[in-house]
Amino acid sequence: MSIEEKVERHTIAVLVDNEAGVLARVVGLFSGRGYNIESLTVGEVDQAEHTSRITVVTAGTPMVIEQIKAQLDRLVPVHRVMDLTVETNSVEREMALIKVAGTGERRVEALRLADAFRARVIDTTHTSFVFEVTGTPSKIDAFIGLMRPLGLVDVSRTGVVAIARGPEAM
């Protein structure tokens, strides 16, 4: 396998008009060409300008990533496309709610691990906890992996949000 064929994970931020159908067009671009979306988050970033930011995590060869960026840039409601993985240093975070059921020693161990991961208890009953954990996707994966044998019941993840470091805006 040559270097050009190596599959890489990229976080791409897309500034778009905040209007009906834009997200469907962006997602359609990926699905129509067989590109996978690993994570997708969307939120309005400027009410006055009516713009939203779509953060997409995807994987592909460098050529595929360049195609994705070029095709996104050609969509009419898109103002800017930025590959946070290569164009700048960036910060990535994800939040997850994780429900763990258990009693006795399993309950104590779940609380101990949550403390080590700086996870907050946001709901508790006599037999379960809901933890909120924020961090990199790998940190959340590790926390989920440790909770699995302790009684993992359910997981809800936000998807990756990312922003460039430094004073420049997207």
Protein backbone atom coordinates (compact mmCIF):
# COMPACT_ATOMS: atom_id res chain seq x y z
CA MET A 1 0.00 0.00 0.00
CA SER A 2 1.48 3.32 -1.02
CA ILE A 3 1.33 6.49 1.07
CA GLU A 4 -1.42 7.91 -1.18
CA GLU A 5 -3.65 4.92 -0.35
CA LYS A 6 -3.36 5.28 3.42
CA VAL A 7 -6.75 5.95 5.03
CA GLU A 8 -6.69 8.95 7.35
CA ARG A 9 -9.25 10.37 9.80
CA HIS A 10 -10.08 14.05 9.19
CA THR A 11 -12.23 16.59 11.03
CA ILE A 12 -13.82 19.03 8.59
CA ALA A 13 -15.66 22.19 9.64
CA VAL A 14 -18.19 23.63 7.19
CA LEU A 15 -19.76 27.08 7.62
CA VAL A 16 -23.18 27.10 5.94
CA ASP A 17 -26.37 29.14 5.67
CA ASN A 18 -28.79 28.20 8.44
CA GLU A 19 -31.74 27.19 6.28
CA ALA A 20 -33.89 24.16 5.64
CA GLY A 21 -32.32 21.39 3.58
CA VAL A 22 -28.66 22.39 3.93
CA LEU A 23 -27.76 19.52 6.25
CA ALA A 24 -29.53 17.08 3.93
CA ARG A 25 -27.48 18.36 0.99
CA VAL A 26 -24.21 17.99 2.89
CA VAL A 27 -25.08 14.49 4.12
CA GLY A 28 -26.32 13.59 0.62
CA LEU A 29 -22.94 14.52 -0.79
CA PHE A 30 -21.32 11.93 1.49
CA SER A 31 -23.88 9.16 1.04
CA GLY A 32 -24.21 9.67 -2.71
CA ARG A 33 -20.51 9.03 -3.18
CA GLY A 34 -20.19 6.23 -0.63
CA TYR A 35 -18.18 8.25 1.91
CA ASN A 36 -18.71 7.34 5.55
CA ILE A 37 -19.46 9.91 8.26
CA GLU A 38 -17.97 8.83 11.59
CA SER A 39 -19.36 11.82 13.50
CA LEU A 40 -21.64 14.74 12.64
CA THR A 41 -22.54 17.77 14.73
CA VAL A 42 -24.44 20.88 13.72
CA GLY A 43 -25.26 24.12 15.49
CA GLU A 44 -26.10 27.72 14.71
CA VAL A 45 -23.05 29.93 15.28
CA ASP A 46 -24.33 33.38 14.27
CA GLN A 47 -27.99 34.39 14.52
CA ALA A 48 -27.45 37.75 12.82
CA GLU A 49 -25.72 36.16 9.80
CA HIS A 50 -27.98 33.06 9.89
CA THR A 51 -25.03 30.69 9.69
CA SER A 52 -24.45 27.25 11.17
CA ARG A 53 -21.34 25.15 11.57
CA ILE A 54 -21.31 21.51 10.56
CA THR A 55 -18.44 19.46 11.96
CA VAL A 56 -17.90 16.18 10.11
CA VAL A 57 -15.41 13.47 11.02
CA THR A 58 -14.70 11.17 8.10
CA ALA A 59 -11.96 8.89 6.88
CA GLY A 60 -10.42 8.34 3.49
CA THR A 61 -7.29 8.47 1.44
CA PRO A 62 -5.78 11.93 0.96
CA MET A 63 -7.27 12.01 -2.54
CA VAL A 64 -10.76 11.16 -1.21
CA ILE A 65 -10.48 13.81 1.52
CA GLU A 66 -9.51 16.42 -1.11
CA GLN A 67 -12.51 15.37 -3.23
CA ILE A 68 -14.84 15.69 -0.23
CA LYS A 69 -13.55 19.18 0.57
CA ALA A 70 -13.78 20.33 -3.05
CA GLN A 71 -17.32 19.00 -3.44
CA LEU A 72 -18.41 20.58 -0.14
CA ASP A 73 -16.92 23.90 -1.25
CA ARG A 74 -19.02 23.82 -4.43
CA LEU A 75 -22.36 23.50 -2.60
CA VAL A 76 -24.30 26.78 -2.84
CA PRO A 77 -25.11 27.34 0.87
CA VAL A 78 -21.49 26.66 1.93
CA HIS A 79 -19.44 29.73 2.91
CA ARG A 80 -16.22 28.01 4.01
CA VAL A 81 -14.70 24.53 4.33
CA MET A 82 -11.80 23.99 6.70
CA ASP A 83 -9.93 20.71 7.26
CA LEU A 84 -9.04 21.12 10.93
CA THR A 85 -6.77 18.07 10.74
CA VAL A 86 -4.28 19.57 8.28
CA GLU A 87 -4.95 23.30 7.92
CA THR A 88 -4.47 24.30 11.55
CA ASN A 89 -3.90 23.09 15.09
CA SER A 90 -7.26 22.40 16.62
CA VAL A 91 -9.04 21.26 19.75
CA GLU A 92 -11.54 18.37 19.57
CA ARG A 93 -14.04 17.37 22.23
CA GLU A 94 -17.05 15.11 22.55
CA MET A 95 -19.57 14.67 25.34
CA ALA A 96 -21.32 11.45 26.30
CA LEU A 97 -24.00 10.39 28.74
CA ILE A 98 -23.31 6.89 30.02
CA LYS A 99 -25.74 4.85 32.11
CA VAL A 100 -24.32 2.15 34.38
CA ALA A 101 -26.43 -0.16 36.54
CA GLY A 102 -25.02 -2.04 39.48
CA THR A 103 -24.88 -2.41 43.22
CA GLY A 104 -22.25 -3.08 45.85
CA GLU A 105 -18.64 -3.25 44.74
CA ARG A 106 -19.48 -2.62 41.07
CA ARG A 107 -21.16 0.64 42.07
CA VAL A 108 -18.12 1.72 44.09
CA GLU A 109 -15.75 0.83 41.24
CA ALA A 110 -17.87 2.75 38.72
CA LEU A 111 -17.70 5.85 40.94
CA ARG A 112 -13.93 5.45 41.39
CA LEU A 113 -13.34 5.20 37.64
CA ALA A 114 -15.68 8.12 36.96
CA ASP A 115 -13.60 10.23 39.33
CA ALA A 116 -10.40 9.24 37.51
CA PHE A 117 -11.97 10.27 34.18
CA ARG A 118 -13.45 13.46 35.66
CA ALA A 119 -16.92 12.21 34.74
CA ARG A 120 -19.77 13.85 36.61
CA VAL A 121 -22.71 11.99 38.10
CA ILE A 122 -25.78 13.75 36.71
CA ASP A 123 -28.42 11.23 37.79
CA THR A 124 -28.44 8.51 40.38
CA THR A 125 -30.80 5.89 41.77
CA HIS A 126 -30.17 3.07 44.23
CA THR A 127 -29.20 0.81 41.32
CA SER A 128 -27.83 3.07 38.57
CA PHE A 129 -25.85 6.15 37.61
CA VAL A 130 -25.82 8.42 34.59
CA PHE A 131 -22.37 9.88 34.04
CA GLU A 132 -21.47 12.87 31.88
CA VAL A 133 -17.98 12.65 30.44
CA THR A 134 -16.28 15.14 28.13
CA GLY A 135 -13.02 14.75 26.27
CA THR A 136 -11.44 13.34 23.19
CA PRO A 137 -13.27 10.50 21.44
CA SER A 138 -10.53 8.08 22.59
CA LYS A 139 -11.05 9.12 26.22
CA ILE A 140 -14.77 8.46 25.92
CA ASP A 141 -14.11 5.11 24.22
CA ALA A 142 -11.80 4.15 27.11
CA PHE A 143 -14.36 5.15 29.73
CA ILE A 144 -17.09 3.15 27.99
CA GLY A 145 -14.76 0.15 27.76
CA LEU A 146 -14.12 0.26 31.50
CA MET A 147 -17.84 0.67 32.32
CA ARG A 148 -18.90 -2.30 30.17
CA PRO A 149 -18.00 -5.01 32.73
CA LEU A 150 -19.43 -2.89 35.56
CA GLY A 151 -22.95 -2.84 34.12
CA LEU A 152 -23.03 -0.51 31.11
CA VAL A 153 -26.67 -0.08 30.09
CA ASP A 154 -26.79 2.77 27.57
CA VAL A 155 -24.62 5.38 25.83
CA SER A 156 -25.56 8.65 24.11
CA ARG A 157 -22.76 10.59 22.39
CA THR A 158 -22.84 14.09 20.92
CA GLY A 159 -20.28 13.63 18.19
CA VAL A 160 -17.08 15.61 17.80
CA VAL A 161 -16.98 19.39 18.03
CA ALA A 162 -13.74 21.07 17.04
CA ILE A 163 -12.27 24.52 16.69
CA ALA A 164 -8.99 25.93 15.46
CA ARG A 165 -6.49 27.14 18.03
CA GLY A 166 -5.36 30.76 17.96
CA PRO A 167 -7.08 34.07 17.27
CA GLU A 168 -8.35 33.44 13.74
CA ALA A 169 -12.01 32.68 13.07
CA MET A 170 -13.11 29.94 10.75
